[in-house]
Amino acid sequence: MDEKTIDRESLGRLANALVFICGADHPTTVALKAAAVSGSERDIKAARTLFLKLKSGDRKAALTMIDDS
């Protein structure tokens, strides 16, 4: 997740991918949804930190699911 390309829509899409991978109640999913709704720098930073703590396979799967190319 590159901080320069993070927008609210991308956060929401990433949260939806994590619902499938980790579940709706997973702390990272909840944080990403909150960041997508609020758009605040604090929420985005918290969501990014939790996302980076996920297992690399889960991160890669989520990013692949939202890849537009």
PDB file of N, CA and C in Angstrom:
ATOM      1  N   MET A   1       0.838  -1.178   0.000  1.00  0.00           N
ATOM      2  CA  MET A   1       0.000   0.000   0.000  1.00  0.00           C
ATOM      3  C   MET A   1       0.873   1.227   0.000  1.00  0.00           C
ATOM      4  N   ASP A   2       0.863   1.935  -1.063  1.00  0.00           N
ATOM      5  CA  ASP A   2       1.633   3.158  -1.177  1.00  0.00           C
ATOM      6  C   ASP A   2       0.788   4.313  -0.654  1.00  0.00           C
ATOM      7  N   GLU A   3       1.330   5.065   0.291  1.00  0.00           N
ATOM      8  CA  GLU A   3       0.562   6.137   0.910  1.00  0.00           C
ATOM      9  C   GLU A   3       0.106   7.179  -0.097  1.00  0.00           C
ATOM     10  N   LYS A   4       0.842   7.358  -1.184  1.00  0.00           N
ATOM     11  CA  LYS A   4       0.476   8.352  -2.178  1.00  0.00           C
ATOM     12  C   LYS A   4      -0.739   7.926  -2.986  1.00  0.00           C
ATOM     13  N   THR A   5      -1.035   6.637  -3.042  1.00  0.00           N
ATOM     14  CA  THR A   5      -2.148   6.169  -3.854  1.00  0.00           C
ATOM     15  C   THR A   5      -3.345   5.726  -3.023  1.00  0.00           C
ATOM     16  N   ILE A   6      -3.291   5.931  -1.725  1.00  0.00           N
ATOM     17  CA  ILE A   6      -4.398   5.530  -0.858  1.00  0.00           C
ATOM     18  C   ILE A   6      -5.510   6.569  -0.975  1.00  0.00           C
ATOM     19  N   ASP A   7      -6.692   6.110  -1.353  1.00  0.00           N
ATOM     20  CA  ASP A   7      -7.863   6.962  -1.316  1.00  0.00           C
ATOM     21  C   ASP A   7      -8.977   6.194  -0.625  1.00  0.00           C
ATOM     22  N   ARG A   8     -10.047   6.882  -0.333  1.00  0.00           N
ATOM     23  CA  ARG A   8     -11.131   6.260   0.434  1.00  0.00           C
ATOM     24  C   ARG A   8     -11.750   5.091  -0.315  1.00  0.00           C
ATOM     25  N   GLU A   9     -11.880   5.217  -1.624  1.00  0.00           N
ATOM     26  CA  GLU A   9     -12.459   4.123  -2.405  1.00  0.00           C
ATOM     27  C   GLU A   9     -11.572   2.875  -2.338  1.00  0.00           C
ATOM     28  N   SER A  10     -10.259   3.066  -2.451  1.00  0.00           N
ATOM     29  CA  SER A  10      -9.329   1.933  -2.377  1.00  0.00           C
ATOM     30  C   SER A  10      -9.367   1.270  -1.011  1.00  0.00           C
ATOM     31  N   LEU A  11      -9.469   2.076   0.027  1.00  0.00           N
ATOM     32  CA  LEU A  11      -9.562   1.515   1.379  1.00  0.00           C
ATOM     33  C   LEU A  11     -10.820   0.667   1.531  1.00  0.00           C
ATOM     34  N   GLY A  12     -11.906   1.154   0.977  1.00  0.00           N
ATOM     35  CA  GLY A  12     -13.154   0.396   1.038  1.00  0.00           C
ATOM     36  C   GLY A  12     -13.072  -0.912   0.272  1.00  0.00           C
ATOM     37  N   ARG A  13     -12.447  -0.884  -0.895  1.00  0.00           N
ATOM     38  CA  ARG A  13     -12.287  -2.094  -1.698  1.00  0.00           C
ATOM     39  C   ARG A  13     -11.379  -3.090  -0.985  1.00  0.00           C
ATOM     40  N   LEU A  14     -10.323  -2.572  -0.360  1.00  0.00           N
ATOM     41  CA  LEU A  14      -9.412  -3.433   0.381  1.00  0.00           C
ATOM     42  C   LEU A  14     -10.119  -4.049   1.584  1.00  0.00           C
ATOM     43  N   ALA A  15     -10.945  -3.270   2.256  1.00  0.00           N
ATOM     44  CA  ALA A  15     -11.719  -3.794   3.386  1.00  0.00           C
ATOM     45  C   ALA A  15     -12.650  -4.910   2.927  1.00  0.00           C
ATOM     46  N   ASN A  16     -13.298  -4.728   1.781  1.00  0.00           N
ATOM     47  CA  ASN A  16     -14.189  -5.763   1.252  1.00  0.00           C
ATOM     48  C   ASN A  16     -13.427  -7.036   0.910  1.00  0.00           C
ATOM     49  N   ALA A  17     -12.221  -6.895   0.386  1.00  0.00           N
ATOM     50  CA  ALA A  17     -11.397  -8.075   0.092  1.00  0.00           C
ATOM     51  C   ALA A  17     -11.033  -8.793   1.390  1.00  0.00           C
ATOM     52  N   LEU A  18     -10.726  -8.038   2.431  1.00  0.00           N
ATOM     53  CA  LEU A  18     -10.351  -8.653   3.703  1.00  0.00           C
ATOM     54  C   LEU A  18     -11.531  -9.308   4.406  1.00  0.00           C
ATOM     55  N   VAL A  19     -12.745  -8.852   4.126  1.00  0.00           N
ATOM     56  CA  VAL A  19     -13.923  -9.536   4.666  1.00  0.00           C
ATOM     57  C   VAL A  19     -13.911 -10.977   4.183  1.00  0.00           C
ATOM     58  N   PHE A  20     -13.596 -11.162   2.926  1.00  0.00           N
ATOM     59  CA  PHE A  20     -13.544 -12.499   2.339  1.00  0.00           C
ATOM     60  C   PHE A  20     -12.369 -13.306   2.893  1.00  0.00           C
ATOM     61  N   ILE A  21     -11.224 -12.668   3.062  1.00  0.00           N
ATOM     62  CA  ILE A  21     -10.000 -13.370   3.460  1.00  0.00           C
ATOM     63  C   ILE A  21      -9.935 -13.601   4.972  1.00  0.00           C
ATOM     64  N   CYS A  22     -10.194 -12.568   5.747  1.00  0.00           N
ATOM     65  CA  CYS A  22      -9.999 -12.636   7.202  1.00  0.00           C
ATOM     66  C   CYS A  22     -11.297 -12.628   8.002  1.00  0.00           C
ATOM     67  N   GLY A  23     -12.367 -12.161   7.414  1.00  0.00           N
ATOM     68  CA  GLY A  23     -13.632 -12.065   8.123  1.00  0.00           C
ATOM     69  C   GLY A  23     -13.986 -10.626   8.453  1.00  0.00           C
ATOM     70  N   ALA A  24     -15.268 -10.379   8.603  1.00  0.00           N
ATOM     71  CA  ALA A  24     -15.768  -9.024   8.840  1.00  0.00           C
ATOM     72  C   ALA A  24     -15.376  -8.478  10.209  1.00  0.00           C
ATOM     73  N   ASP A  25     -15.144  -9.359  11.174  1.00  0.00           N
ATOM     74  CA  ASP A  25     -14.826  -8.913  12.532  1.00  0.00           C
ATOM     75  C   ASP A  25     -13.335  -8.784  12.803  1.00  0.00           C
ATOM     76  N   HIS A  26     -12.507  -9.081  11.803  1.00  0.00           N
ATOM     77  CA  HIS A  26     -11.053  -8.989  11.982  1.00  0.00           C
ATOM     78  C   HIS A  26     -10.687  -7.523  12.220  1.00  0.00           C
ATOM     79  N   PRO A  27      -9.791  -7.251  13.174  1.00  0.00           N
ATOM     80  CA  PRO A  27      -9.424  -5.862  13.491  1.00  0.00           C
ATOM     81  C   PRO A  27      -8.932  -5.058  12.289  1.00  0.00           C
ATOM     82  N   THR A  28      -8.222  -5.689  11.372  1.00  0.00           N
ATOM     83  CA  THR A  28      -7.729  -4.976  10.197  1.00  0.00           C
ATOM     84  C   THR A  28      -8.884  -4.593   9.282  1.00  0.00           C
ATOM     85  N   THR A  29      -9.831  -5.491   9.111  1.00  0.00           N
ATOM     86  CA  THR A  29     -11.000  -5.200   8.288  1.00  0.00           C
ATOM     87  C   THR A  29     -11.788  -4.037   8.881  1.00  0.00           C
ATOM     88  N   VAL A  30     -11.998  -4.075  10.176  1.00  0.00           N
ATOM     89  CA  VAL A  30     -12.745  -3.019  10.865  1.00  0.00           C
ATOM     90  C   VAL A  30     -12.014  -1.681  10.719  1.00  0.00           C
ATOM     91  N   ALA A  31     -10.688  -1.692  10.888  1.00  0.00           N
ATOM     92  CA  ALA A  31      -9.905  -0.462  10.784  1.00  0.00           C
ATOM     93  C   ALA A  31      -9.938   0.105   9.367  1.00  0.00           C
ATOM     94  N   LEU A  32      -9.860  -0.766   8.369  1.00  0.00           N
ATOM     95  CA  LEU A  32      -9.910  -0.298   6.981  1.00  0.00           C
ATOM     96  C   LEU A  32     -11.276   0.295   6.654  1.00  0.00           C
ATOM     97  N   LYS A  33     -12.337  -0.322   7.153  1.00  0.00           N
ATOM     98  CA  LYS A  33     -13.676   0.226   6.921  1.00  0.00           C
ATOM     99  C   LYS A  33     -13.814   1.592   7.585  1.00  0.00           C
ATOM    100  N   ALA A  34     -13.311   1.722   8.798  1.00  0.00           N
ATOM    101  CA  ALA A  34     -13.386   3.006   9.508  1.00  0.00           C
ATOM    102  C   ALA A  34     -12.600   4.082   8.766  1.00  0.00           C
ATOM    103  N   ALA A  35     -11.438   3.722   8.254  1.00  0.00           N
ATOM    104  CA  ALA A  35     -10.614   4.674   7.511  1.00  0.00           C
ATOM    105  C   ALA A  35     -11.288   5.080   6.207  1.00  0.00           C
ATOM    106  N   ALA A  36     -11.954   4.137   5.569  1.00  0.00           N
ATOM    107  CA  ALA A  36     -12.661   4.445   4.323  1.00  0.00           C
ATOM    108  C   ALA A  36     -13.814   5.409   4.562  1.00  0.00           C
ATOM    109  N   VAL A  37     -14.484   5.258   5.691  1.00  0.00           N
ATOM    110  CA  VAL A  37     -15.615   6.121   6.003  1.00  0.00           C
ATOM    111  C   VAL A  37     -15.140   7.510   6.425  1.00  0.00           C
ATOM    112  N   SER A  38     -14.184   7.563   7.339  1.00  0.00           N
ATOM    113  CA  SER A  38     -13.768   8.854   7.892  1.00  0.00           C
ATOM    114  C   SER A  38     -12.784   9.593   6.990  1.00  0.00           C
ATOM    115  N   GLY A  39     -11.854   8.847   6.405  1.00  0.00           N
ATOM    116  CA  GLY A  39     -10.825   9.475   5.574  1.00  0.00           C
ATOM    117  C   GLY A  39      -9.786  10.239   6.365  1.00  0.00           C
ATOM    118  N   SER A  40      -9.837  10.128   7.690  1.00  0.00           N
ATOM    119  CA  SER A  40      -8.888  10.879   8.513  1.00  0.00           C
ATOM    120  C   SER A  40      -7.500  10.240   8.447  1.00  0.00           C
ATOM    121  N   GLU A  41      -6.511  11.084   8.535  1.00  0.00           N
ATOM    122  CA  GLU A  41      -5.130  10.620   8.469  1.00  0.00           C
ATOM    123  C   GLU A  41      -4.828   9.626   9.590  1.00  0.00           C
ATOM    124  N   ARG A  42      -5.375   9.878  10.762  1.00  0.00           N
ATOM    125  CA  ARG A  42      -5.152   9.001  11.920  1.00  0.00           C
ATOM    126  C   ARG A  42      -5.711   7.597  11.656  1.00  0.00           C
ATOM    127  N   ASP A  43      -6.941   7.530  11.131  1.00  0.00           N
ATOM    128  CA  ASP A  43      -7.561   6.239  10.841  1.00  0.00           C
ATOM    129  C   ASP A  43      -6.831   5.502   9.729  1.00  0.00           C
ATOM    130  N   ILE A  44      -6.392   6.238   8.723  1.00  0.00           N
ATOM    131  CA  ILE A  44      -5.657   5.628   7.607  1.00  0.00           C
ATOM    132  C   ILE A  44      -4.341   5.052   8.101  1.00  0.00           C
ATOM    133  N   LYS A  45      -3.653   5.800   8.958  1.00  0.00           N
ATOM    134  CA  LYS A  45      -2.375   5.319   9.495  1.00  0.00           C
ATOM    135  C   LYS A  45      -2.571   4.056  10.330  1.00  0.00           C
ATOM    136  N   ALA A  46      -3.614   4.034  11.153  1.00  0.00           N
ATOM    137  CA  ALA A  46      -3.896   2.858  11.984  1.00  0.00           C
ATOM    138  C   ALA A  46      -4.234   1.650  11.114  1.00  0.00           C
ATOM    139  N   ALA A  47      -5.039   1.866  10.077  1.00  0.00           N
ATOM    140  CA  ALA A  47      -5.420   0.774   9.179  1.00  0.00           C
ATOM    141  C   ALA A  47      -4.204   0.245   8.427  1.00  0.00           C
ATOM    142  N   ARG A  48      -3.354   1.148   7.984  1.00  0.00           N
ATOM    143  CA  ARG A  48      -2.143   0.746   7.256  1.00  0.00           C
ATOM    144  C   ARG A  48      -1.227  -0.088   8.151  1.00  0.00           C
ATOM    145  N   THR A  49      -1.071   0.335   9.387  1.00  0.00           N
ATOM    146  CA  THR A  49      -0.228  -0.397  10.336  1.00  0.00           C
ATOM    147  C   THR A  49      -0.753  -1.817  10.540  1.00  0.00           C
ATOM    148  N   LEU A  50      -2.062  -1.944  10.742  1.00  0.00           N
ATOM    149  CA  LEU A  50      -2.645  -3.273  10.918  1.00  0.00           C
ATOM    150  C   LEU A  50      -2.528  -4.105   9.644  1.00  0.00           C
ATOM    151  N   PHE A  51      -2.727  -3.478   8.495  1.00  0.00           N
ATOM    152  CA  PHE A  51      -2.625  -4.198   7.228  1.00  0.00           C
ATOM    153  C   PHE A  51      -1.217  -4.772   7.056  1.00  0.00           C
ATOM    154  N   LEU A  52      -0.208  -3.995   7.396  1.00  0.00           N
ATOM    155  CA  LEU A  52       1.177  -4.449   7.247  1.00  0.00           C
ATOM    156  C   LEU A  52       1.536  -5.553   8.237  1.00  0.00           C
ATOM    157  N   LYS A  53       0.761  -5.700   9.309  1.00  0.00           N
ATOM    158  CA  LYS A  53       1.001  -6.770  10.281  1.00  0.00           C
ATOM    159  C   LYS A  53       0.361  -8.095   9.876  1.00  0.00           C
ATOM    160  N   LEU A  54      -0.504  -8.060   8.839  1.00  0.00           N
ATOM    161  CA  LEU A  54      -1.107  -9.302   8.345  1.00  0.00           C
ATOM    162  C   LEU A  54      -0.039 -10.221   7.783  1.00  0.00           C
ATOM    163  N   LYS A  55      -0.350 -11.505   7.694  1.00  0.00           N
ATOM    164  CA  LYS A  55       0.555 -12.443   7.034  1.00  0.00           C
ATOM    165  C   LYS A  55       0.723 -11.999   5.595  1.00  0.00           C
ATOM    166  N   SER A  56       1.915 -12.182   5.064  1.00  0.00           N
ATOM    167  CA  SER A  56       2.194 -11.707   3.710  1.00  0.00           C
ATOM    168  C   SER A  56       1.250 -12.321   2.674  1.00  0.00           C
ATOM    169  N   GLY A  57       0.861 -13.561   2.863  1.00  0.00           N
ATOM    170  CA  GLY A  57      -0.066 -14.202   1.933  1.00  0.00           C
ATOM    171  C   GLY A  57      -1.433 -13.530   1.940  1.00  0.00           C
ATOM    172  N   ASP A  58      -1.894 -13.125   3.124  1.00  0.00           N
ATOM    173  CA  ASP A  58      -3.180 -12.430   3.229  1.00  0.00           C
ATOM    174  C   ASP A  58      -3.103 -11.048   2.579  1.00  0.00           C
ATOM    175  N   ARG A  59      -1.992 -10.342   2.814  1.00  0.00           N
ATOM    176  CA  ARG A  59      -1.811  -9.028   2.180  1.00  0.00           C
ATOM    177  C   ARG A  59      -1.804  -9.156   0.666  1.00  0.00           C
ATOM    178  N   LYS A  60      -1.034 -10.108   0.181  1.00  0.00           N
ATOM    179  CA  LYS A  60      -0.908 -10.293  -1.264  1.00  0.00           C
ATOM    180  C   LYS A  60      -2.250 -10.679  -1.878  1.00  0.00           C
ATOM    181  N   ALA A  61      -2.997 -11.549  -1.215  1.00  0.00           N
ATOM    182  CA  ALA A  61      -4.306 -11.967  -1.727  1.00  0.00           C
ATOM    183  C   ALA A  61      -5.260 -10.785  -1.798  1.00  0.00           C
ATOM    184  N   ALA A  62      -5.276  -9.961  -0.768  1.00  0.00           N
ATOM    185  CA  ALA A  62      -6.171  -8.798  -0.760  1.00  0.00           C
ATOM    186  C   ALA A  62      -5.802  -7.812  -1.856  1.00  0.00           C
ATOM    187  N   LEU A  63      -4.524  -7.551  -2.017  1.00  0.00           N
ATOM    188  CA  LEU A  63      -4.101  -6.612  -3.057  1.00  0.00           C
ATOM    189  C   LEU A  63      -4.384  -7.161  -4.453  1.00  0.00           C
ATOM    190  N   THR A  64      -4.259  -8.476  -4.614  1.00  0.00           N
ATOM    191  CA  THR A  64      -4.568  -9.087  -5.901  1.00  0.00           C
ATOM    192  C   THR A  64      -6.053  -8.974  -6.205  1.00  0.00           C
ATOM    193  N   MET A  65      -6.889  -9.111  -5.191  1.00  0.00           N
ATOM    194  CA  MET A  65      -8.335  -9.032  -5.393  1.00  0.00           C
ATOM    195  C   MET A  65      -8.775  -7.645  -5.851  1.00  0.00           C
ATOM    196  N   ILE A  66      -8.073  -6.596  -5.436  1.00  0.00           N
ATOM    197  CA  ILE A  66      -8.483  -5.244  -5.808  1.00  0.00           C
ATOM    198  C   ILE A  66      -7.710  -4.700  -7.006  1.00  0.00           C
ATOM    199  N   ASP A  67      -6.793  -5.478  -7.530  1.00  0.00           N
ATOM    200  CA  ASP A  67      -5.987  -5.036  -8.667  1.00  0.00           C
ATOM    201  C   ASP A  67      -6.869  -4.860  -9.889  1.00  0.00           C
ATOM    202  N   ASP A  68      -6.814  -3.685 -10.493  1.00  0.00           N
ATOM    203  CA  ASP A  68      -7.636  -3.368 -11.657  1.00  0.00           C
ATOM    204  C   ASP A  68      -7.047  -3.816 -12.980  1.00  0.00           C
ATOM    205  N   SER A  69      -5.766  -4.154 -13.005  1.00  0.00           N
ATOM    206  CA  SER A  69      -5.154  -4.455 -14.289  1.00  0.00           C
ATOM    207  C   SER A  69      -5.442  -5.832 -14.793  1.00  0.00           C
TER     208      SER A  69
END
